PDB file of N, CA and C in Angstrom:
ATOM      1  N   MET A   1       0.837  -1.156   0.000  1.00  0.00           N
ATOM      2  CA  MET A   1       0.000   0.000   0.000  1.00  0.00           C
ATOM      3  C   MET A   1       0.891   1.232   0.000  1.00  0.00           C
ATOM      4  N   ARG A   2       0.520   2.200  -0.799  1.00  0.00           N
ATOM      5  CA  ARG A   2       1.289   3.437  -0.875  1.00  0.00           C
ATOM      6  C   ARG A   2       0.618   4.489  -0.010  1.00  0.00           C
ATOM      7  N   LEU A   3       1.391   5.148   0.826  1.00  0.00           N
ATOM      8  CA  LEU A   3       0.877   6.222   1.661  1.00  0.00           C
ATOM      9  C   LEU A   3       1.430   7.541   1.161  1.00  0.00           C
ATOM     10  N   ASN A   4       0.596   8.519   1.097  1.00  0.00           N
ATOM     11  CA  ASN A   4       1.013   9.855   0.695  1.00  0.00           C
ATOM     12  C   ASN A   4       1.015  10.764   1.910  1.00  0.00           C
ATOM     13  N   GLU A   5       2.051  11.541   2.032  1.00  0.00           N
ATOM     14  CA  GLU A   5       2.106  12.509   3.125  1.00  0.00           C
ATOM     15  C   GLU A   5       1.153  13.652   2.807  1.00  0.00           C
ATOM     16  N   ILE A   6       0.412  14.072   3.809  1.00  0.00           N
ATOM     17  CA  ILE A   6      -0.496  15.193   3.638  1.00  0.00           C
ATOM     18  C   ILE A   6       0.307  16.475   3.725  1.00  0.00           C
ATOM     19  N   VAL A   7       0.127  17.340   2.764  1.00  0.00           N
ATOM     20  CA  VAL A   7       0.813  18.629   2.756  1.00  0.00           C
ATOM     21  C   VAL A   7      -0.224  19.692   3.085  1.00  0.00           C
ATOM     22  N   PHE A   8      -0.006  20.402   4.174  1.00  0.00           N
ATOM     23  CA  PHE A   8      -0.932  21.448   4.580  1.00  0.00           C
ATOM     24  C   PHE A   8      -0.493  22.777   3.976  1.00  0.00           C
ATOM     25  N   THR A   9      -1.408  23.724   3.952  1.00  0.00           N
ATOM     26  CA  THR A   9      -1.072  25.057   3.474  1.00  0.00           C
ATOM     27  C   THR A   9      -0.206  25.733   4.533  1.00  0.00           C
ATOM     28  N   ASP A  10      -0.183  27.031   4.561  1.00  0.00           N
ATOM     29  CA  ASP A  10       0.603  27.748   5.558  1.00  0.00           C
ATOM     30  C   ASP A  10       0.069  27.545   6.971  1.00  0.00           C
ATOM     31  N   ALA A  11      -1.170  27.106   7.097  1.00  0.00           N
ATOM     32  CA  ALA A  11      -1.767  26.877   8.413  1.00  0.00           C
ATOM     33  C   ALA A  11      -1.331  25.523   8.957  1.00  0.00           C
ATOM     34  N   SER A  12      -1.417  25.383  10.265  1.00  0.00           N
ATOM     35  CA  SER A  12      -1.042  24.132  10.922  1.00  0.00           C
ATOM     36  C   SER A  12      -2.286  23.337  11.298  1.00  0.00           C
ATOM     37  N   PRO A  13      -2.209  22.008  11.243  1.00  0.00           N
ATOM     38  CA  PRO A  13      -3.349  21.186  11.637  1.00  0.00           C
ATOM     39  C   PRO A  13      -3.491  21.132  13.158  1.00  0.00           C
ATOM     40  N   ILE A  14      -4.675  20.743  13.600  1.00  0.00           N
ATOM     41  CA  ILE A  14      -4.920  20.493  15.016  1.00  0.00           C
ATOM     42  C   ILE A  14      -4.363  19.106  15.296  1.00  0.00           C
ATOM     43  N   GLU A  15      -3.376  19.023  16.166  1.00  0.00           N
ATOM     44  CA  GLU A  15      -2.752  17.734  16.474  1.00  0.00           C
ATOM     45  C   GLU A  15      -3.502  16.984  17.559  1.00  0.00           C
ATOM     46  N   SER A  16      -4.031  17.714  18.541  1.00  0.00           N
ATOM     47  CA  SER A  16      -4.810  17.087  19.602  1.00  0.00           C
ATOM     48  C   SER A  16      -5.539  18.165  20.384  1.00  0.00           C
ATOM     49  N   TYR A  17      -6.459  17.715  21.230  1.00  0.00           N
ATOM     50  CA  TYR A  17      -7.184  18.622  22.123  1.00  0.00           C
ATOM     51  C   TYR A  17      -7.585  17.817  23.344  1.00  0.00           C
ATOM     52  N   GLY A  18      -7.872  18.515  24.402  1.00  0.00           N
ATOM     53  CA  GLY A  18      -8.289  17.863  25.633  1.00  0.00           C
ATOM     54  C   GLY A  18      -8.958  18.875  26.536  1.00  0.00           C
ATOM     55  N   PRO A  19      -9.197  18.504  27.780  1.00  0.00           N
ATOM     56  CA  PRO A  19      -9.869  19.426  28.695  1.00  0.00           C
ATOM     57  C   PRO A  19      -9.078  20.726  28.856  1.00  0.00           C
ATOM     58  N   GLY A  20      -9.560  21.786  28.242  1.00  0.00           N
ATOM     59  CA  GLY A  20      -8.965  23.099  28.409  1.00  0.00           C
ATOM     60  C   GLY A  20      -7.825  23.456  27.483  1.00  0.00           C
ATOM     61  N   PHE A  21      -7.459  22.602  26.521  1.00  0.00           N
ATOM     62  CA  PHE A  21      -6.311  22.928  25.659  1.00  0.00           C
ATOM     63  C   PHE A  21      -6.470  22.375  24.248  1.00  0.00           C
ATOM     64  N   PHE A  22      -5.629  22.925  23.362  1.00  0.00           N
ATOM     65  CA  PHE A  22      -5.474  22.448  21.993  1.00  0.00           C
ATOM     66  C   PHE A  22      -3.974  22.375  21.716  1.00  0.00           C
ATOM     67  N   ARG A  23      -3.553  21.430  20.890  1.00  0.00           N
ATOM     68  CA  ARG A  23      -2.162  21.379  20.425  1.00  0.00           C
ATOM     69  C   ARG A  23      -2.197  21.619  18.920  1.00  0.00           C
ATOM     70  N   VAL A  24      -1.540  22.702  18.508  1.00  0.00           N
ATOM     71  CA  VAL A  24      -1.538  23.118  17.105  1.00  0.00           C
ATOM     72  C   VAL A  24      -0.099  23.381  16.689  1.00  0.00           C
ATOM     73  N   GLY A  25       0.368  22.670  15.688  1.00  0.00           N
ATOM     74  CA  GLY A  25       1.718  22.882  15.187  1.00  0.00           C
ATOM     75  C   GLY A  25       2.782  22.717  16.259  1.00  0.00           C
ATOM     76  N   GLY A  26       2.555  21.810  17.200  1.00  0.00           N
ATOM     77  CA  GLY A  26       3.513  21.535  18.256  1.00  0.00           C
ATOM     78  C   GLY A  26       3.386  22.428  19.474  1.00  0.00           C
ATOM     79  N   ALA A  27       2.580  23.458  19.405  1.00  0.00           N
ATOM     80  CA  ALA A  27       2.394  24.376  20.534  1.00  0.00           C
ATOM     81  C   ALA A  27       1.082  24.082  21.253  1.00  0.00           C
ATOM     82  N   VAL A  28       1.093  24.166  22.549  1.00  0.00           N
ATOM     83  CA  VAL A  28      -0.119  23.987  23.345  1.00  0.00           C
ATOM     84  C   VAL A  28      -0.753  25.348  23.589  1.00  0.00           C
ATOM     85  N   ILE A  29      -2.027  25.453  23.262  1.00  0.00           N
ATOM     86  CA  ILE A  29      -2.801  26.673  23.493  1.00  0.00           C
ATOM     87  C   ILE A  29      -3.807  26.347  24.589  1.00  0.00           C
ATOM     88  N   GLU A  30      -3.700  27.031  25.712  1.00  0.00           N
ATOM     89  CA  GLU A  30      -4.647  26.853  26.814  1.00  0.00           C
ATOM     90  C   GLU A  30      -5.876  27.708  26.557  1.00  0.00           C
ATOM     91  N   GLY A  31      -7.053  27.139  26.726  1.00  0.00           N
ATOM     92  CA  GLY A  31      -8.294  27.885  26.565  1.00  0.00           C
ATOM     93  C   GLY A  31      -8.705  28.002  25.114  1.00  0.00           C
ATOM     94  N   PRO A  32      -9.666  28.889  24.833  1.00  0.00           N
ATOM     95  CA  PRO A  32     -10.128  29.082  23.457  1.00  0.00           C
ATOM     96  C   PRO A  32      -8.996  29.549  22.551  1.00  0.00           C
ATOM     97  N   MET A  33      -9.075  29.156  21.286  1.00  0.00           N
ATOM     98  CA  MET A  33      -8.029  29.551  20.335  1.00  0.00           C
ATOM     99  C   MET A  33      -8.624  29.738  18.959  1.00  0.00           C
ATOM    100  N   ILE A  34      -7.856  30.447  18.141  1.00  0.00           N
ATOM    101  CA  ILE A  34      -8.215  30.643  16.740  1.00  0.00           C
ATOM    102  C   ILE A  34      -6.974  30.335  15.917  1.00  0.00           C
ATOM    103  N   THR A  35      -7.172  29.591  14.830  1.00  0.00           N
ATOM    104  CA  THR A  35      -6.054  29.271  13.943  1.00  0.00           C
ATOM    105  C   THR A  35      -6.498  29.486  12.504  1.00  0.00           C
ATOM    106  N   SER A  36      -5.573  30.046  11.731  1.00  0.00           N
ATOM    107  CA  SER A  36      -5.848  30.367  10.334  1.00  0.00           C
ATOM    108  C   SER A  36      -4.508  30.411   9.605  1.00  0.00           C
ATOM    109  N   PRO A  37      -4.514  30.703   8.312  1.00  0.00           N
ATOM    110  CA  PRO A  37      -3.229  30.847   7.622  1.00  0.00           C
ATOM    111  C   PRO A  37      -2.344  31.932   8.236  1.00  0.00           C
ATOM    112  N   ASN A  38      -2.922  32.835   9.024  1.00  0.00           N
ATOM    113  CA  ASN A  38      -2.154  33.896   9.681  1.00  0.00           C
ATOM    114  C   ASN A  38      -1.476  33.421  10.959  1.00  0.00           C
ATOM    115  N   GLY A  39      -1.749  32.201  11.398  1.00  0.00           N
ATOM    116  CA  GLY A  39      -1.153  31.688  12.626  1.00  0.00           C
ATOM    117  C   GLY A  39      -2.199  31.263  13.636  1.00  0.00           C
ATOM    118  N   THR A  40      -1.707  30.869  14.800  1.00  0.00           N
ATOM    119  CA  THR A  40      -2.559  30.395  15.881  1.00  0.00           C
ATOM    120  C   THR A  40      -2.350  31.285  17.087  1.00  0.00           C
ATOM    121  N   GLN A  41      -3.453  31.625  17.734  1.00  0.00           N
ATOM    122  CA  GLN A  41      -3.366  32.497  18.897  1.00  0.00           C
ATOM    123  C   GLN A  41      -4.529  32.225  19.847  1.00  0.00           C
ATOM    124  N   PRO A  42      -4.386  32.643  21.096  1.00  0.00           N
ATOM    125  CA  PRO A  42      -5.522  32.545  22.013  1.00  0.00           C
ATOM    126  C   PRO A  42      -6.682  33.386  21.471  1.00  0.00           C
ATOM    127  N   TRP A  43      -7.871  33.001  21.843  1.00  0.00           N
ATOM    128  CA  TRP A  43      -9.085  33.691  21.405  1.00  0.00           C
ATOM    129  C   TRP A  43      -9.922  33.955  22.640  1.00  0.00           C
ATOM    130  N   ALA A  44     -10.538  35.101  22.738  1.00  0.00           N
ATOM    131  CA  ALA A  44     -11.318  35.465  23.922  1.00  0.00           C
ATOM    132  C   ALA A  44     -12.741  34.924  23.898  1.00  0.00           C
ATOM    133  N   GLY A  45     -13.083  34.114  22.918  1.00  0.00           N
ATOM    134  CA  GLY A  45     -14.428  33.538  22.863  1.00  0.00           C
ATOM    135  C   GLY A  45     -15.398  34.387  22.068  1.00  0.00           C
ATOM    136  N   TYR A  46     -16.681  34.140  22.281  1.00  0.00           N
ATOM    137  CA  TYR A  46     -17.723  34.781  21.488  1.00  0.00           C
ATOM    138  C   TYR A  46     -17.657  36.305  21.493  1.00  0.00           C
ATOM    139  N   GLU A  47     -17.164  36.899  22.573  1.00  0.00           N
ATOM    140  CA  GLU A  47     -17.095  38.355  22.653  1.00  0.00           C
ATOM    141  C   GLU A  47     -16.005  38.935  21.749  1.00  0.00           C
ATOM    142  N   ASP A  48     -15.046  38.126  21.350  1.00  0.00           N
ATOM    143  CA  ASP A  48     -13.931  38.580  20.513  1.00  0.00           C
ATOM    144  C   ASP A  48     -14.308  38.476  19.038  1.00  0.00           C
ATOM    145  N   THR A  49     -15.180  39.357  18.612  1.00  0.00           N
ATOM    146  CA  THR A  49     -15.631  39.331  17.216  1.00  0.00           C
ATOM    147  C   THR A  49     -14.582  39.878  16.264  1.00  0.00           C
ATOM    148  N   GLU A  50     -13.725  40.768  16.753  1.00  0.00           N
ATOM    149  CA  GLU A  50     -12.717  41.396  15.889  1.00  0.00           C
ATOM    150  C   GLU A  50     -11.782  40.364  15.257  1.00  0.00           C
ATOM    151  N   SER A  51     -11.383  39.364  16.033  1.00  0.00           N
ATOM    152  CA  SER A  51     -10.487  38.326  15.494  1.00  0.00           C
ATOM    153  C   SER A  51     -11.150  37.558  14.359  1.00  0.00           C
ATOM    154  N   LEU A  52     -12.452  37.338  14.479  1.00  0.00           N
ATOM    155  CA  LEU A  52     -13.180  36.613  13.433  1.00  0.00           C
ATOM    156  C   LEU A  52     -13.426  37.510  12.223  1.00  0.00           C
ATOM    157  N   LEU A  53     -13.825  38.752  12.474  1.00  0.00           N
ATOM    158  CA  LEU A  53     -14.092  39.675  11.373  1.00  0.00           C
ATOM    159  C   LEU A  53     -12.836  40.017  10.590  1.00  0.00           C
ATOM    160  N   ALA A  54     -11.675  39.938  11.237  1.00  0.00           N
ATOM    161  CA  ALA A  54     -10.409  40.207  10.541  1.00  0.00           C
ATOM    162  C   ALA A  54     -10.124  39.172   9.458  1.00  0.00           C
ATOM    163  N   LEU A  55     -10.813  38.043   9.505  1.00  0.00           N
ATOM    164  CA  LEU A  55     -10.608  36.984   8.510  1.00  0.00           C
ATOM    165  C   LEU A  55     -11.471  37.157   7.266  1.00  0.00           C
ATOM    166  N   ALA A  56     -12.316  38.181   7.251  1.00  0.00           N
ATOM    167  CA  ALA A  56     -13.176  38.439   6.088  1.00  0.00           C
ATOM    168  C   ALA A  56     -12.319  38.611   4.841  1.00  0.00           C
ATOM    169  N   GLY A  57     -12.660  37.874   3.801  1.00  0.00           N
ATOM    170  CA  GLY A  57     -11.929  37.937   2.544  1.00  0.00           C
ATOM    171  C   GLY A  57     -10.668  37.086   2.517  1.00  0.00           C
ATOM    172  N   LYS A  58     -10.220  36.608   3.666  1.00  0.00           N
ATOM    173  CA  LYS A  58      -9.007  35.795   3.733  1.00  0.00           C
ATOM    174  C   LYS A  58      -9.312  34.304   3.789  1.00  0.00           C
ATOM    175  N   VAL A  59     -10.505  33.964   4.270  1.00  0.00           N
ATOM    176  CA  VAL A  59     -10.920  32.561   4.330  1.00  0.00           C
ATOM    177  C   VAL A  59     -12.337  32.453   3.779  1.00  0.00           C
ATOM    178  N   ASP A  60     -12.681  31.267   3.335  1.00  0.00           N
ATOM    179  CA  ASP A  60     -14.025  31.043   2.811  1.00  0.00           C
ATOM    180  C   ASP A  60     -15.015  30.693   3.914  1.00  0.00           C
ATOM    181  N   VAL A  61     -14.522  30.043   4.965  1.00  0.00           N
ATOM    182  CA  VAL A  61     -15.402  29.654   6.074  1.00  0.00           C
ATOM    183  C   VAL A  61     -14.585  29.529   7.351  1.00  0.00           C
ATOM    184  N   ILE A  62     -15.229  29.869   8.455  1.00  0.00           N
ATOM    185  CA  ILE A  62     -14.656  29.675   9.778  1.00  0.00           C
ATOM    186  C   ILE A  62     -15.457  28.566  10.447  1.00  0.00           C
ATOM    187  N   PHE A  63     -14.773  27.528  10.892  1.00  0.00           N
ATOM    188  CA  PHE A  63     -15.426  26.498  11.694  1.00  0.00           C
ATOM    189  C   PHE A  63     -15.349  26.955  13.135  1.00  0.00           C
ATOM    190  N   LEU A  64     -16.494  27.057  13.775  1.00  0.00           N
ATOM    191  CA  LEU A  64     -16.529  27.559  15.136  1.00  0.00           C
ATOM    192  C   LEU A  64     -16.894  26.410  16.067  1.00  0.00           C
ATOM    193  N   GLY A  65     -15.925  25.971  16.844  1.00  0.00           N
ATOM    194  CA  GLY A  65     -16.139  24.896  17.804  1.00  0.00           C
ATOM    195  C   GLY A  65     -16.766  25.442  19.071  1.00  0.00           C
ATOM    196  N   THR A  66     -17.914  24.918  19.439  1.00  0.00           N
ATOM    197  CA  THR A  66     -18.692  25.449  20.554  1.00  0.00           C
ATOM    198  C   THR A  66     -18.444  24.706  21.861  1.00  0.00           C
ATOM    199  N   GLY A  67     -17.360  23.940  21.957  1.00  0.00           N
ATOM    200  CA  GLY A  67     -17.071  23.189  23.174  1.00  0.00           C
ATOM    201  C   GLY A  67     -17.441  21.727  23.006  1.00  0.00           C
ATOM    202  N   ALA A  68     -17.745  21.082  24.108  1.00  0.00           N
ATOM    203  CA  ALA A  68     -18.038  19.644  24.077  1.00  0.00           C
ATOM    204  C   ALA A  68     -19.335  19.331  23.338  1.00  0.00           C
ATOM    205  N   ASP A  69     -20.273  20.254  23.369  1.00  0.00           N
ATOM    206  CA  ASP A  69     -21.574  20.048  22.723  1.00  0.00           C
ATOM    207  C   ASP A  69     -21.825  21.127  21.683  1.00  0.00           C
ATOM    208  N   VAL A  70     -22.627  20.793  20.697  1.00  0.00           N
ATOM    209  CA  VAL A  70     -22.971  21.783  19.690  1.00  0.00           C
ATOM    210  C   VAL A  70     -23.931  22.795  20.317  1.00  0.00           C
ATOM    211  N   ALA A  71     -23.752  24.060  19.957  1.00  0.00           N
ATOM    212  CA  ALA A  71     -24.604  25.133  20.469  1.00  0.00           C
ATOM    213  C   ALA A  71     -24.789  26.173  19.375  1.00  0.00           C
ATOM    214  N   HIS A  72     -25.854  26.917  19.478  1.00  0.00           N
ATOM    215  CA  HIS A  72     -26.082  28.009  18.535  1.00  0.00           C
ATOM    216  C   HIS A  72     -25.176  29.177  18.893  1.00  0.00           C
ATOM    217  N   LEU A  73     -24.736  29.886  17.881  1.00  0.00           N
ATOM    218  CA  LEU A  73     -23.945  31.088  18.119  1.00  0.00           C
ATOM    219  C   LEU A  73     -24.846  32.190  18.657  1.00  0.00           C
ATOM    220  N   PRO A  74     -24.312  33.076  19.479  1.00  0.00           N
ATOM    221  CA  PRO A  74     -25.107  34.233  19.906  1.00  0.00           C
ATOM    222  C   PRO A  74     -25.594  35.005  18.675  1.00  0.00           C
ATOM    223  N   ASP A  75     -26.825  35.479  18.739  1.00  0.00           N
ATOM    224  CA  ASP A  75     -27.418  36.173  17.592  1.00  0.00           C
ATOM    225  C   ASP A  75     -26.594  37.367  17.135  1.00  0.00           C
ATOM    226  N   VAL A  76     -26.034  38.114  18.081  1.00  0.00           N
ATOM    227  CA  VAL A  76     -25.236  39.295  17.733  1.00  0.00           C
ATOM    228  C   VAL A  76     -24.006  38.875  16.928  1.00  0.00           C
ATOM    229  N   LEU A  77     -23.325  37.831  17.366  1.00  0.00           N
ATOM    230  CA  LEU A  77     -22.135  37.346  16.652  1.00  0.00           C
ATOM    231  C   LEU A  77     -22.506  36.856  15.262  1.00  0.00           C
ATOM    232  N   GLN A  78     -23.567  36.073  15.165  1.00  0.00           N
ATOM    233  CA  GLN A  78     -24.003  35.562  13.863  1.00  0.00           C
ATOM    234  C   GLN A  78     -24.336  36.706  12.915  1.00  0.00           C
ATOM    235  N   SER A  79     -25.010  37.727  13.413  1.00  0.00           N
ATOM    236  CA  SER A  79     -25.374  38.885  12.577  1.00  0.00           C
ATOM    237  C   SER A  79     -24.148  39.641  12.093  1.00  0.00           C
ATOM    238  N   GLN A  80     -23.178  39.849  12.984  1.00  0.00           N
ATOM    239  CA  GLN A  80     -21.958  40.563  12.595  1.00  0.00           C
ATOM    240  C   GLN A  80     -21.195  39.805  11.522  1.00  0.00           C
ATOM    241  N   LEU A  81     -21.096  38.494  11.667  1.00  0.00           N
ATOM    242  CA  LEU A  81     -20.385  37.685  10.672  1.00  0.00           C
ATOM    243  C   LEU A  81     -21.127  37.679   9.345  1.00  0.00           C
ATOM    244  N   ASP A  82     -22.458  37.557   9.408  1.00  0.00           N
ATOM    245  CA  ASP A  82     -23.261  37.592   8.179  1.00  0.00           C
ATOM    246  C   ASP A  82     -23.094  38.929   7.454  1.00  0.00           C
ATOM    247  N   ASP A  83     -23.159  40.027   8.210  1.00  0.00           N
ATOM    248  CA  ASP A  83     -23.033  41.358   7.615  1.00  0.00           C
ATOM    249  C   ASP A  83     -21.671  41.558   6.952  1.00  0.00           C
ATOM    250  N   ALA A  84     -20.636  40.931   7.505  1.00  0.00           N
ATOM    251  CA  ALA A  84     -19.279  41.059   6.952  1.00  0.00           C
ATOM    252  C   ALA A  84     -19.018  40.061   5.832  1.00  0.00           C
ATOM    253  N   GLY A  85     -19.989  39.188   5.561  1.00  0.00           N
ATOM    254  CA  GLY A  85     -19.813  38.198   4.507  1.00  0.00           C
ATOM    255  C   GLY A  85     -18.894  37.060   4.899  1.00  0.00           C
ATOM    256  N   VAL A  86     -18.760  36.804   6.188  1.00  0.00           N
ATOM    257  CA  VAL A  86     -17.904  35.733   6.682  1.00  0.00           C
ATOM    258  C   VAL A  86     -18.766  34.481   6.885  1.00  0.00           C
ATOM    259  N   GLY A  87     -18.442  33.416   6.177  1.00  0.00           N
ATOM    260  CA  GLY A  87     -19.147  32.159   6.358  1.00  0.00           C
ATOM    261  C   GLY A  87     -18.712  31.497   7.652  1.00  0.00           C
ATOM    262  N   VAL A  88     -19.654  30.973   8.407  1.00  0.00           N
ATOM    263  CA  VAL A  88     -19.328  30.323   9.674  1.00  0.00           C
ATOM    264  C   VAL A  88     -20.184  29.072   9.829  1.00  0.00           C
ATOM    265  N   GLU A  89     -19.559  28.013  10.314  1.00  0.00           N
ATOM    266  CA  GLU A  89     -20.247  26.754  10.597  1.00  0.00           C
ATOM    267  C   GLU A  89     -19.995  26.405  12.053  1.00  0.00           C
ATOM    268  N   ALA A  90     -21.041  26.405  12.862  1.00  0.00           N
ATOM    269  CA  ALA A  90     -20.904  26.069  14.281  1.00  0.00           C
ATOM    270  C   ALA A  90     -21.117  24.568  14.468  1.00  0.00           C
ATOM    271  N   MET A  91     -20.255  23.976  15.279  1.00  0.00           N
ATOM    272  CA  MET A  91     -20.360  22.557  15.614  1.00  0.00           C
ATOM    273  C   MET A  91     -19.575  22.315  16.894  1.00  0.00           C
ATOM    274  N   ALA A  92     -19.742  21.159  17.485  1.00  0.00           N
ATOM    275  CA  ALA A  92     -18.962  20.822  18.670  1.00  0.00           C
ATOM    276  C   ALA A  92     -17.480  20.883  18.311  1.00  0.00           C
ATOM    277  N   SER A  93     -16.646  21.265  19.278  1.00  0.00           N
ATOM    278  CA  SER A  93     -15.215  21.446  19.004  1.00  0.00           C
ATOM    279  C   SER A  93     -14.522  20.202  18.444  1.00  0.00           C
ATOM    280  N   PRO A  94     -14.807  18.980  18.947  1.00  0.00           N
ATOM    281  CA  PRO A  94     -14.151  17.819  18.331  1.00  0.00           C
ATOM    282  C   PRO A  94     -14.470  17.684  16.842  1.00  0.00           C
ATOM    283  N   ALA A  95     -15.735  17.892  16.470  1.00  0.00           N
ATOM    284  CA  ALA A  95     -16.117  17.813  15.056  1.00  0.00           C
ATOM    285  C   ALA A  95     -15.497  18.954  14.261  1.00  0.00           C
ATOM    286  N   ALA A  96     -15.418  20.134  14.849  1.00  0.00           N
ATOM    287  CA  ALA A  96     -14.822  21.279  14.166  1.00  0.00           C
ATOM    288  C   ALA A  96     -13.341  21.038  13.892  1.00  0.00           C
ATOM    289  N   CYS A  97     -12.636  20.446  14.862  1.00  0.00           N
ATOM    290  CA  CYS A  97     -11.210  20.146  14.664  1.00  0.00           C
ATOM    291  C   CYS A  97     -11.014  19.132  13.542  1.00  0.00           C
ATOM    292  N   ARG A  98     -11.814  18.083  13.536  1.00  0.00           N
ATOM    293  CA  ARG A  98     -11.694  17.065  12.482  1.00  0.00           C
ATOM    294  C   ARG A  98     -12.002  17.653  11.111  1.00  0.00           C
ATOM    295  N   THR A  99     -13.085  18.418  11.022  1.00  0.00           N
ATOM    296  CA  THR A  99     -13.481  19.015   9.745  1.00  0.00           C
ATOM    297  C   THR A  99     -12.415  19.993   9.258  1.00  0.00           C
ATOM    298  N   TYR A 100     -11.899  20.796  10.167  1.00  0.00           N
ATOM    299  CA  TYR A 100     -10.831  21.733   9.827  1.00  0.00           C
ATOM    300  C   TYR A 100      -9.627  20.996   9.246  1.00  0.00           C
ATOM    301  N   ASN A 101      -9.187  19.937   9.903  1.00  0.00           N
ATOM    302  CA  ASN A 101      -8.013  19.202   9.423  1.00  0.00           C
ATOM    303  C   ASN A 101      -8.238  18.600   8.039  1.00  0.00           C
ATOM    304  N   ILE A 102      -9.417  18.061   7.810  1.00  0.00           N
ATOM    305  CA  ILE A 102      -9.710  17.450   6.504  1.00  0.00           C
ATOM    306  C   ILE A 102      -9.670  18.509   5.404  1.00  0.00           C
ATOM    307  N   LEU A 103     -10.357  19.614   5.604  1.00  0.00           N
ATOM    308  CA  LEU A 103     -10.397  20.644   4.568  1.00  0.00           C
ATOM    309  C   LEU A 103      -9.057  21.359   4.428  1.00  0.00           C
ATOM    310  N   LEU A 104      -8.313  21.468   5.519  1.00  0.00           N
ATOM    311  CA  LEU A 104      -6.972  22.042   5.442  1.00  0.00           C
ATOM    312  C   LEU A 104      -6.073  21.181   4.561  1.00  0.00           C
ATOM    313  N   SER A 105      -6.216  19.859   4.691  1.00  0.00           N
ATOM    314  CA  SER A 105      -5.399  18.953   3.879  1.00  0.00           C
ATOM    315  C   SER A 105      -5.734  19.054   2.394  1.00  0.00           C
ATOM    316  N   GLU A 106      -6.916  19.575   2.085  1.00  0.00           N
ATOM    317  CA  GLU A 106      -7.318  19.791   0.695  1.00  0.00           C
ATOM    318  C   GLU A 106      -6.875  21.157   0.177  1.00  0.00           C
ATOM    319  N   GLY A 107      -6.220  21.936   1.044  1.00  0.00           N
ATOM    320  CA  GLY A 107      -5.742  23.249   0.625  1.00  0.00           C
ATOM    321  C   GLY A 107      -6.797  24.329   0.633  1.00  0.00           C
ATOM    322  N   ARG A 108      -7.894  24.115   1.347  1.00  0.00           N
ATOM    323  CA  ARG A 108      -8.983  25.091   1.375  1.00  0.00           C
ATOM    324  C   ARG A 108      -8.621  26.307   2.223  1.00  0.00           C
ATOM    325  N   ARG A 109      -9.270  27.417   1.946  1.00  0.00           N
ATOM    326  CA  ARG A 109      -9.075  28.663   2.701  1.00  0.00           C
ATOM    327  C   ARG A 109     -10.029  28.681   3.891  1.00  0.00           C
ATOM    328  N   ILE A 110      -9.552  28.189   5.031  1.00  0.00           N
ATOM    329  CA  ILE A 110     -10.418  28.026   6.190  1.00  0.00           C
ATOM    330  C   ILE A 110      -9.725  28.504   7.449  1.00  0.00           C
ATOM    331  N   ALA A 111     -10.525  28.649   8.511  1.00  0.00           N
ATOM    332  CA  ALA A 111     -10.008  28.976   9.828  1.00  0.00           C
ATOM    333  C   ALA A 111     -10.838  28.209  10.838  1.00  0.00           C
ATOM    334  N   LEU A 112     -10.286  28.111  12.041  1.00  0.00           N
ATOM    335  CA  LEU A 112     -10.978  27.442  13.149  1.00  0.00           C
ATOM    336  C   LEU A 112     -10.889  28.334  14.372  1.00  0.00           C
ATOM    337  N   ALA A 113     -12.014  28.610  14.967  1.00  0.00           N
ATOM    338  CA  ALA A 113     -12.080  29.267  16.271  1.00  0.00           C
ATOM    339  C   ALA A 113     -12.800  28.278  17.170  1.00  0.00           C
ATOM    340  N   ALA A 114     -12.194  27.919  18.300  1.00  0.00           N
ATOM    341  CA  ALA A 114     -12.780  26.851  19.099  1.00  0.00           C
ATOM    342  C   ALA A 114     -12.667  27.098  20.593  1.00  0.00           C
ATOM    343  N   LEU A 115     -13.747  26.732  21.264  1.00  0.00           N
ATOM    344  CA  LEU A 115     -13.768  26.691  22.714  1.00  0.00           C
ATOM    345  C   LEU A 115     -13.327  25.299  23.126  1.00  0.00           C
ATOM    346  N   PRO A 116     -12.567  25.159  24.211  1.00  0.00           N
ATOM    347  CA  PRO A 116     -12.098  23.836  24.601  1.00  0.00           C
ATOM    348  C   PRO A 116     -13.228  22.941  25.095  1.00  0.00           C
ATOM    349  N   VAL A 117     -12.953  21.646  25.082  1.00  0.00           N
ATOM    350  CA  VAL A 117     -13.938  20.677  25.591  1.00  0.00           C
ATOM    351  C   VAL A 117     -13.813  20.566  27.091  1.00  0.00           C
TER     352      VAL A 117
END
């Protein structure tokens, strides 16, 4: 069987996650985080709309991990993202991490903002 190495874009894949943390590109991020082709950094959560809006035009969709369980985004956040033309898909953080990694491996223009499990 032939195995092909996955080549990611400039962004790093999610290597692992656990209670209160994410491991991205070898670095551990405690608490909520956002990762995109611009890098990985801590994220202040739903109130930090500026970090998400800054991705307008740079990514096609942001996967928003809502923690251990899927939850609806706050209406204000959803409205701001819609008004800016930023596509967002909310899902539980484990599913968001998996989906992000798959689409990243395809070279898609994506970002992930996630609350820890």
